[in-house]
Amino acid sequence: MINKRTAQEISDSVILKLKEERMKQGISQYRIAKDTGMSKSSILYIENLTQRPTLYTVILLANYLKIDLKKIL
């Protein structure tokens, strides 16, 4: 069983990998927000680890960036 702290560390790691990939691909926060239907502030809060995204949001972002979610978990 995973405790809360470990779950947060895994979540943070996944988000940082998604952010790194977004930047590597040269995609702005504005563009990813617009293309996914999210707000730019949501992307900002998620990437700054201020807001924890839902699993749906993580999958949405990973699919947008063409990342196999299994590889970053």
PDB file of N, CA and C in Angstrom:
ATOM      1  N   MET A   1       0.833  -1.176   0.000  1.00  0.00           N
ATOM      2  CA  MET A   1       0.000   0.000   0.000  1.00  0.00           C
ATOM      3  C   MET A   1       0.884   1.247   0.000  1.00  0.00           C
ATOM      4  N   ILE A   2       0.471   2.237  -0.763  1.00  0.00           N
ATOM      5  CA  ILE A   2       1.231   3.476  -0.861  1.00  0.00           C
ATOM      6  C   ILE A   2       0.669   4.490   0.126  1.00  0.00           C
ATOM      7  N   ASN A   3       1.567   5.095   0.922  1.00  0.00           N
ATOM      8  CA  ASN A   3       1.095   6.111   1.861  1.00  0.00           C
ATOM      9  C   ASN A   3       0.936   7.457   1.148  1.00  0.00           C
ATOM     10  N   LYS A   4       0.347   8.418   1.837  1.00  0.00           N
ATOM     11  CA  LYS A   4       0.042   9.727   1.243  1.00  0.00           C
ATOM     12  C   LYS A   4       1.301  10.437   0.747  1.00  0.00           C
ATOM     13  N   ARG A   5       2.342  10.388   1.528  1.00  0.00           N
ATOM     14  CA  ARG A   5       3.580  11.081   1.147  1.00  0.00           C
ATOM     15  C   ARG A   5       4.171  10.480  -0.135  1.00  0.00           C
ATOM     16  N   THR A   6       4.204   9.170  -0.222  1.00  0.00           N
ATOM     17  CA  THR A   6       4.719   8.505  -1.422  1.00  0.00           C
ATOM     18  C   THR A   6       3.855   8.831  -2.635  1.00  0.00           C
ATOM     19  N   ALA A   7       2.545   8.850  -2.439  1.00  0.00           N
ATOM     20  CA  ALA A   7       1.627   9.188  -3.532  1.00  0.00           C
ATOM     21  C   ALA A   7       1.885  10.604  -4.028  1.00  0.00           C
ATOM     22  N   GLN A   8       2.134  11.536  -3.114  1.00  0.00           N
ATOM     23  CA  GLN A   8       2.431  12.913  -3.502  1.00  0.00           C
ATOM     24  C   GLN A   8       3.759  12.996  -4.261  1.00  0.00           C
ATOM     25  N   GLU A   9       4.742  12.229  -3.820  1.00  0.00           N
ATOM     26  CA  GLU A   9       6.041  12.230  -4.496  1.00  0.00           C
ATOM     27  C   GLU A   9       5.913  11.674  -5.913  1.00  0.00           C
ATOM     28  N   ILE A  10       5.131  10.630  -6.081  1.00  0.00           N
ATOM     29  CA  ILE A  10       4.902  10.050  -7.409  1.00  0.00           C
ATOM     30  C   ILE A  10       4.181  11.066  -8.289  1.00  0.00           C
ATOM     31  N   SER A  11       3.149  11.694  -7.747  1.00  0.00           N
ATOM     32  CA  SER A  11       2.394  12.706  -8.486  1.00  0.00           C
ATOM     33  C   SER A  11       3.293  13.854  -8.915  1.00  0.00           C
ATOM     34  N   ASP A  12       4.101  14.357  -7.994  1.00  0.00           N
ATOM     35  CA  ASP A  12       5.023  15.450  -8.310  1.00  0.00           C
ATOM     36  C   ASP A  12       6.005  15.049  -9.403  1.00  0.00           C
ATOM     37  N   SER A  13       6.524  13.845  -9.320  1.00  0.00           N
ATOM     38  CA  SER A  13       7.475  13.349 -10.308  1.00  0.00           C
ATOM     39  C   SER A  13       6.844  13.287 -11.698  1.00  0.00           C
ATOM     40  N   VAL A  14       5.629  12.779 -11.771  1.00  0.00           N
ATOM     41  CA  VAL A  14       4.926  12.684 -13.059  1.00  0.00           C
ATOM     42  C   VAL A  14       4.709  14.080 -13.634  1.00  0.00           C
ATOM     43  N   ILE A  15       4.251  15.012 -12.811  1.00  0.00           N
ATOM     44  CA  ILE A  15       3.990  16.374 -13.271  1.00  0.00           C
ATOM     45  C   ILE A  15       5.269  17.031 -13.760  1.00  0.00           C
ATOM     46  N   LEU A  16       6.358  16.870 -13.036  1.00  0.00           N
ATOM     47  CA  LEU A  16       7.626  17.473 -13.462  1.00  0.00           C
ATOM     48  C   LEU A  16       8.109  16.871 -14.777  1.00  0.00           C
ATOM     49  N   LYS A  17       7.881  15.592 -14.989  1.00  0.00           N
ATOM     50  CA  LYS A  17       8.247  14.961 -16.263  1.00  0.00           C
ATOM     51  C   LYS A  17       7.385  15.491 -17.396  1.00  0.00           C
ATOM     52  N   LEU A  18       6.101  15.701 -17.141  1.00  0.00           N
ATOM     53  CA  LEU A  18       5.218  16.277 -18.163  1.00  0.00           C
ATOM     54  C   LEU A  18       5.658  17.708 -18.499  1.00  0.00           C
ATOM     55  N   LYS A  19       5.992  18.485 -17.473  1.00  0.00           N
ATOM     56  CA  LYS A  19       6.461  19.858 -17.701  1.00  0.00           C
ATOM     57  C   LYS A  19       7.748  19.857 -18.512  1.00  0.00           C
ATOM     58  N   GLU A  20       8.672  18.982 -18.147  1.00  0.00           N
ATOM     59  CA  GLU A  20       9.941  18.880 -18.860  1.00  0.00           C
ATOM     60  C   GLU A  20       9.702  18.545 -20.335  1.00  0.00           C
ATOM     61  N   GLU A  21       8.809  17.617 -20.588  1.00  0.00           N
ATOM     62  CA  GLU A  21       8.515  17.230 -21.967  1.00  0.00           C
ATOM     63  C   GLU A  21       7.830  18.367 -22.726  1.00  0.00           C
ATOM     64  N   ARG A  22       6.924  19.092 -22.073  1.00  0.00           N
ATOM     65  CA  ARG A  22       6.273  20.238 -22.711  1.00  0.00           C
ATOM     66  C   ARG A  22       7.308  21.263 -23.151  1.00  0.00           C
ATOM     67  N   MET A  23       8.231  21.554 -22.253  1.00  0.00           N
ATOM     68  CA  MET A  23       9.273  22.531 -22.552  1.00  0.00           C
ATOM     69  C   MET A  23      10.207  22.012 -23.645  1.00  0.00           C
ATOM     70  N   LYS A  24      10.545  20.740 -23.587  1.00  0.00           N
ATOM     71  CA  LYS A  24      11.423  20.112 -24.594  1.00  0.00           C
ATOM     72  C   LYS A  24      10.800  20.229 -25.986  1.00  0.00           C
ATOM     73  N   GLN A  25       9.468  20.077 -26.045  1.00  0.00           N
ATOM     74  CA  GLN A  25       8.766  20.168 -27.323  1.00  0.00           C
ATOM     75  C   GLN A  25       8.505  21.617 -27.745  1.00  0.00           C
ATOM     76  N   GLY A  26       8.846  22.572 -26.882  1.00  0.00           N
ATOM     77  CA  GLY A  26       8.661  23.984 -27.199  1.00  0.00           C
ATOM     78  C   GLY A  26       7.205  24.425 -27.200  1.00  0.00           C
ATOM     79  N   ILE A  27       6.399  23.780 -26.376  1.00  0.00           N
ATOM     80  CA  ILE A  27       4.979  24.106 -26.304  1.00  0.00           C
ATOM     81  C   ILE A  27       4.751  25.023 -25.103  1.00  0.00           C
ATOM     82  N   SER A  28       4.087  26.147 -25.338  1.00  0.00           N
ATOM     83  CA  SER A  28       3.823  27.090 -24.250  1.00  0.00           C
ATOM     84  C   SER A  28       2.674  26.596 -23.379  1.00  0.00           C
ATOM     85  N   GLN A  29       2.623  27.127 -22.179  1.00  0.00           N
ATOM     86  CA  GLN A  29       1.506  26.806 -21.288  1.00  0.00           C
ATOM     87  C   GLN A  29       0.198  27.270 -21.925  1.00  0.00           C
ATOM     88  N   TYR A  30       0.230  28.423 -22.568  1.00  0.00           N
ATOM     89  CA  TYR A  30      -0.972  28.943 -23.228  1.00  0.00           C
ATOM     90  C   TYR A  30      -1.471  27.966 -24.293  1.00  0.00           C
ATOM     91  N   ARG A  31      -0.549  27.483 -25.117  1.00  0.00           N
ATOM     92  CA  ARG A  31      -0.951  26.578 -26.207  1.00  0.00           C
ATOM     93  C   ARG A  31      -1.529  25.268 -25.681  1.00  0.00           C
ATOM     94  N   ILE A  32      -0.863  24.661 -24.709  1.00  0.00           N
ATOM     95  CA  ILE A  32      -1.367  23.395 -24.191  1.00  0.00           C
ATOM     96  C   ILE A  32      -2.721  23.606 -23.514  1.00  0.00           C
ATOM     97  N   ALA A  33      -2.878  24.731 -22.828  1.00  0.00           N
ATOM     98  CA  ALA A  33      -4.158  25.030 -22.200  1.00  0.00           C
ATOM     99  C   ALA A  33      -5.250  25.185 -23.253  1.00  0.00           C
ATOM    100  N   LYS A  34      -4.966  25.957 -24.262  1.00  0.00           N
ATOM    101  CA  LYS A  34      -5.948  26.193 -25.329  1.00  0.00           C
ATOM    102  C   LYS A  34      -6.316  24.891 -26.038  1.00  0.00           C
ATOM    103  N   ASP A  35      -5.322  24.100 -26.378  1.00  0.00           N
ATOM    104  CA  ASP A  35      -5.560  22.870 -27.136  1.00  0.00           C
ATOM    105  C   ASP A  35      -6.265  21.783 -26.322  1.00  0.00           C
ATOM    106  N   THR A  36      -6.113  21.813 -24.994  1.00  0.00           N
ATOM    107  CA  THR A  36      -6.745  20.792 -24.153  1.00  0.00           C
ATOM    108  C   THR A  36      -8.040  21.274 -23.502  1.00  0.00           C
ATOM    109  N   GLY A  37      -8.338  22.559 -23.659  1.00  0.00           N
ATOM    110  CA  GLY A  37      -9.540  23.106 -23.045  1.00  0.00           C
ATOM    111  C   GLY A  37      -9.365  23.466 -21.582  1.00  0.00           C
ATOM    112  N   MET A  38      -8.131  23.487 -21.131  1.00  0.00           N
ATOM    113  CA  MET A  38      -7.848  23.858 -19.740  1.00  0.00           C
ATOM    114  C   MET A  38      -7.518  25.344 -19.688  1.00  0.00           C
ATOM    115  N   SER A  39      -7.499  25.906 -18.492  1.00  0.00           N
ATOM    116  CA  SER A  39      -7.082  27.298 -18.353  1.00  0.00           C
ATOM    117  C   SER A  39      -5.563  27.339 -18.201  1.00  0.00           C
ATOM    118  N   LYS A  40      -4.975  28.469 -18.630  1.00  0.00           N
ATOM    119  CA  LYS A  40      -3.526  28.620 -18.496  1.00  0.00           C
ATOM    120  C   LYS A  40      -3.141  28.600 -17.013  1.00  0.00           C
ATOM    121  N   SER A  41      -3.991  29.182 -16.171  1.00  0.00           N
ATOM    122  CA  SER A  41      -3.667  29.196 -14.745  1.00  0.00           C
ATOM    123  C   SER A  41      -3.664  27.780 -14.159  1.00  0.00           C
ATOM    124  N   SER A  42      -4.535  26.902 -14.654  1.00  0.00           N
ATOM    125  CA  SER A  42      -4.525  25.512 -14.185  1.00  0.00           C
ATOM    126  C   SER A  42      -3.201  24.843 -14.533  1.00  0.00           C
ATOM    127  N   ILE A  43      -2.741  25.047 -15.769  1.00  0.00           N
ATOM    128  CA  ILE A  43      -1.448  24.484 -16.190  1.00  0.00           C
ATOM    129  C   ILE A  43      -0.339  25.031 -15.295  1.00  0.00           C
ATOM    130  N   LEU A  44      -0.353  26.326 -15.053  1.00  0.00           N
ATOM    131  CA  LEU A  44       0.657  26.969 -14.211  1.00  0.00           C
ATOM    132  C   LEU A  44       0.649  26.379 -12.799  1.00  0.00           C
ATOM    133  N   TYR A  45      -0.536  26.271 -12.201  1.00  0.00           N
ATOM    134  CA  TYR A  45      -0.635  25.733 -10.842  1.00  0.00           C
ATOM    135  C   TYR A  45      -0.187  24.273 -10.778  1.00  0.00           C
ATOM    136  N   ILE A  46      -0.561  23.502 -11.775  1.00  0.00           N
ATOM    137  CA  ILE A  46      -0.152  22.094 -11.809  1.00  0.00           C
ATOM    138  C   ILE A  46       1.362  21.982 -11.927  1.00  0.00           C
ATOM    139  N   GLU A  47       1.943  22.734 -12.874  1.00  0.00           N
ATOM    140  CA  GLU A  47       3.393  22.650 -13.087  1.00  0.00           C
ATOM    141  C   GLU A  47       4.192  23.188 -11.912  1.00  0.00           C
ATOM    142  N   ASN A  48       3.613  24.107 -11.157  1.00  0.00           N
ATOM    143  CA  ASN A  48       4.300  24.641  -9.969  1.00  0.00           C
ATOM    144  C   ASN A  48       4.008  23.806  -8.723  1.00  0.00           C
ATOM    145  N   LEU A  49       3.308  22.688  -8.928  1.00  0.00           N
ATOM    146  CA  LEU A  49       2.968  21.757  -7.854  1.00  0.00           C
ATOM    147  C   LEU A  49       2.119  22.415  -6.770  1.00  0.00           C
ATOM    148  N   THR A  50       1.361  23.437  -7.163  1.00  0.00           N
ATOM    149  CA  THR A  50       0.456  24.123  -6.246  1.00  0.00           C
ATOM    150  C   THR A  50      -0.901  23.443  -6.234  1.00  0.00           C
ATOM    151  N   GLN A  51      -1.236  22.839  -7.359  1.00  0.00           N
ATOM    152  CA  GLN A  51      -2.523  22.154  -7.517  1.00  0.00           C
ATOM    153  C   GLN A  51      -2.253  20.733  -7.991  1.00  0.00           C
ATOM    154  N   ARG A  52      -2.892  19.773  -7.388  1.00  0.00           N
ATOM    155  CA  ARG A  52      -2.729  18.378  -7.808  1.00  0.00           C
ATOM    156  C   ARG A  52      -3.796  18.049  -8.841  1.00  0.00           C
ATOM    157  N   PRO A  53      -3.369  17.599 -10.007  1.00  0.00           N
ATOM    158  CA  PRO A  53      -4.335  17.287 -11.070  1.00  0.00           C
ATOM    159  C   PRO A  53      -5.038  15.946 -10.825  1.00  0.00           C
ATOM    160  N   THR A  54      -6.179  15.788 -11.439  1.00  0.00           N
ATOM    161  CA  THR A  54      -6.874  14.500 -11.397  1.00  0.00           C
ATOM    162  C   THR A  54      -6.138  13.533 -12.326  1.00  0.00           C
ATOM    163  N   LEU A  55      -6.429  12.275 -12.179  1.00  0.00           N
ATOM    164  CA  LEU A  55      -5.851  11.270 -13.076  1.00  0.00           C
ATOM    165  C   LEU A  55      -6.258  11.572 -14.515  1.00  0.00           C
ATOM    166  N   TYR A  56      -7.518  11.978 -14.712  1.00  0.00           N
ATOM    167  CA  TYR A  56      -7.986  12.342 -16.054  1.00  0.00           C
ATOM    168  C   TYR A  56      -7.108  13.432 -16.667  1.00  0.00           C
ATOM    169  N   THR A  57      -6.785  14.456 -15.878  1.00  0.00           N
ATOM    170  CA  THR A  57      -5.953  15.557 -16.375  1.00  0.00           C
ATOM    171  C   THR A  57      -4.554  15.078 -16.719  1.00  0.00           C
ATOM    172  N   VAL A  58      -3.985  14.232 -15.897  1.00  0.00           N
ATOM    173  CA  VAL A  58      -2.647  13.682 -16.175  1.00  0.00           C
ATOM    174  C   VAL A  58      -2.673  12.900 -17.489  1.00  0.00           C
ATOM    175  N   ILE A  59      -3.699  12.081 -17.679  1.00  0.00           N
ATOM    176  CA  ILE A  59      -3.826  11.307 -18.918  1.00  0.00           C
ATOM    177  C   ILE A  59      -4.007  12.243 -20.108  1.00  0.00           C
ATOM    178  N   LEU A  60      -4.835  13.271 -19.953  1.00  0.00           N
ATOM    179  CA  LEU A  60      -5.054  14.254 -21.018  1.00  0.00           C
ATOM    180  C   LEU A  60      -3.754  14.922 -21.435  1.00  0.00           C
ATOM    181  N   LEU A  61      -2.969  15.361 -20.461  1.00  0.00           N
ATOM    182  CA  LEU A  61      -1.698  16.023 -20.751  1.00  0.00           C
ATOM    183  C   LEU A  61      -0.692  15.058 -21.373  1.00  0.00           C
ATOM    184  N   ALA A  62      -0.618  13.856 -20.844  1.00  0.00           N
ATOM    185  CA  ALA A  62       0.310  12.856 -21.397  1.00  0.00           C
ATOM    186  C   ALA A  62      -0.056  12.527 -22.840  1.00  0.00           C
ATOM    187  N   ASN A  63      -1.338  12.353 -23.111  1.00  0.00           N
ATOM    188  CA  ASN A  63      -1.766  12.074 -24.485  1.00  0.00           C
ATOM    189  C   ASN A  63      -1.446  13.237 -25.409  1.00  0.00           C
ATOM    190  N   TYR A  64      -1.684  14.450 -24.948  1.00  0.00           N
ATOM    191  CA  TYR A  64      -1.394  15.630 -25.753  1.00  0.00           C
ATOM    192  C   TYR A  64       0.095  15.690 -26.113  1.00  0.00           C
ATOM    193  N   LEU A  65       0.928  15.364 -25.150  1.00  0.00           N
ATOM    194  CA  LEU A  65       2.381  15.418 -25.362  1.00  0.00           C
ATOM    195  C   LEU A  65       2.930  14.137 -25.997  1.00  0.00           C
ATOM    196  N   LYS A  66       2.031  13.186 -26.256  1.00  0.00           N
ATOM    197  CA  LYS A  66       2.412  11.895 -26.862  1.00  0.00           C
ATOM    198  C   LYS A  66       3.417  11.143 -25.995  1.00  0.00           C
ATOM    199  N   ILE A  67       3.098  11.089 -24.708  1.00  0.00           N
ATOM    200  CA  ILE A  67       3.944  10.397 -23.743  1.00  0.00           C
ATOM    201  C   ILE A  67       3.198   9.157 -23.260  1.00  0.00           C
ATOM    202  N   ASP A  68       3.892   8.038 -23.230  1.00  0.00           N
ATOM    203  CA  ASP A  68       3.317   6.814 -22.671  1.00  0.00           C
ATOM    204  C   ASP A  68       3.348   6.965 -21.156  1.00  0.00           C
ATOM    205  N   LEU A  69       2.190   7.103 -20.573  1.00  0.00           N
ATOM    206  CA  LEU A  69       2.093   7.333 -19.142  1.00  0.00           C
ATOM    207  C   LEU A  69       2.783   6.236 -18.326  1.00  0.00           C
ATOM    208  N   LYS A  70       2.764   5.034 -18.814  1.00  0.00           N
ATOM    209  CA  LYS A  70       3.415   3.931 -18.097  1.00  0.00           C
ATOM    210  C   LYS A  70       4.912   4.172 -17.922  1.00  0.00           C
ATOM    211  N   LYS A  71       5.515   4.877 -18.892  1.00  0.00           N
ATOM    212  CA  LYS A  71       6.960   5.108 -18.825  1.00  0.00           C
ATOM    213  C   LYS A  71       7.343   6.154 -17.807  1.00  0.00           C
ATOM    214  N   ILE A  72       6.416   7.041 -17.433  1.00  0.00           N
ATOM    215  CA  ILE A  72       6.782   8.088 -16.474  1.00  0.00           C
ATOM    216  C   ILE A  72       6.241   7.820 -15.078  1.00  0.00           C
ATOM    217  N   LEU A  73       5.557   6.720 -14.905  1.00  0.00           N
ATOM    218  CA  LEU A  73       5.057   6.377 -13.560  1.00  0.00           C
ATOM    219  C   LEU A  73       6.109   5.686 -12.729  1.00  0.00           C
TER     220      LEU A  73
END
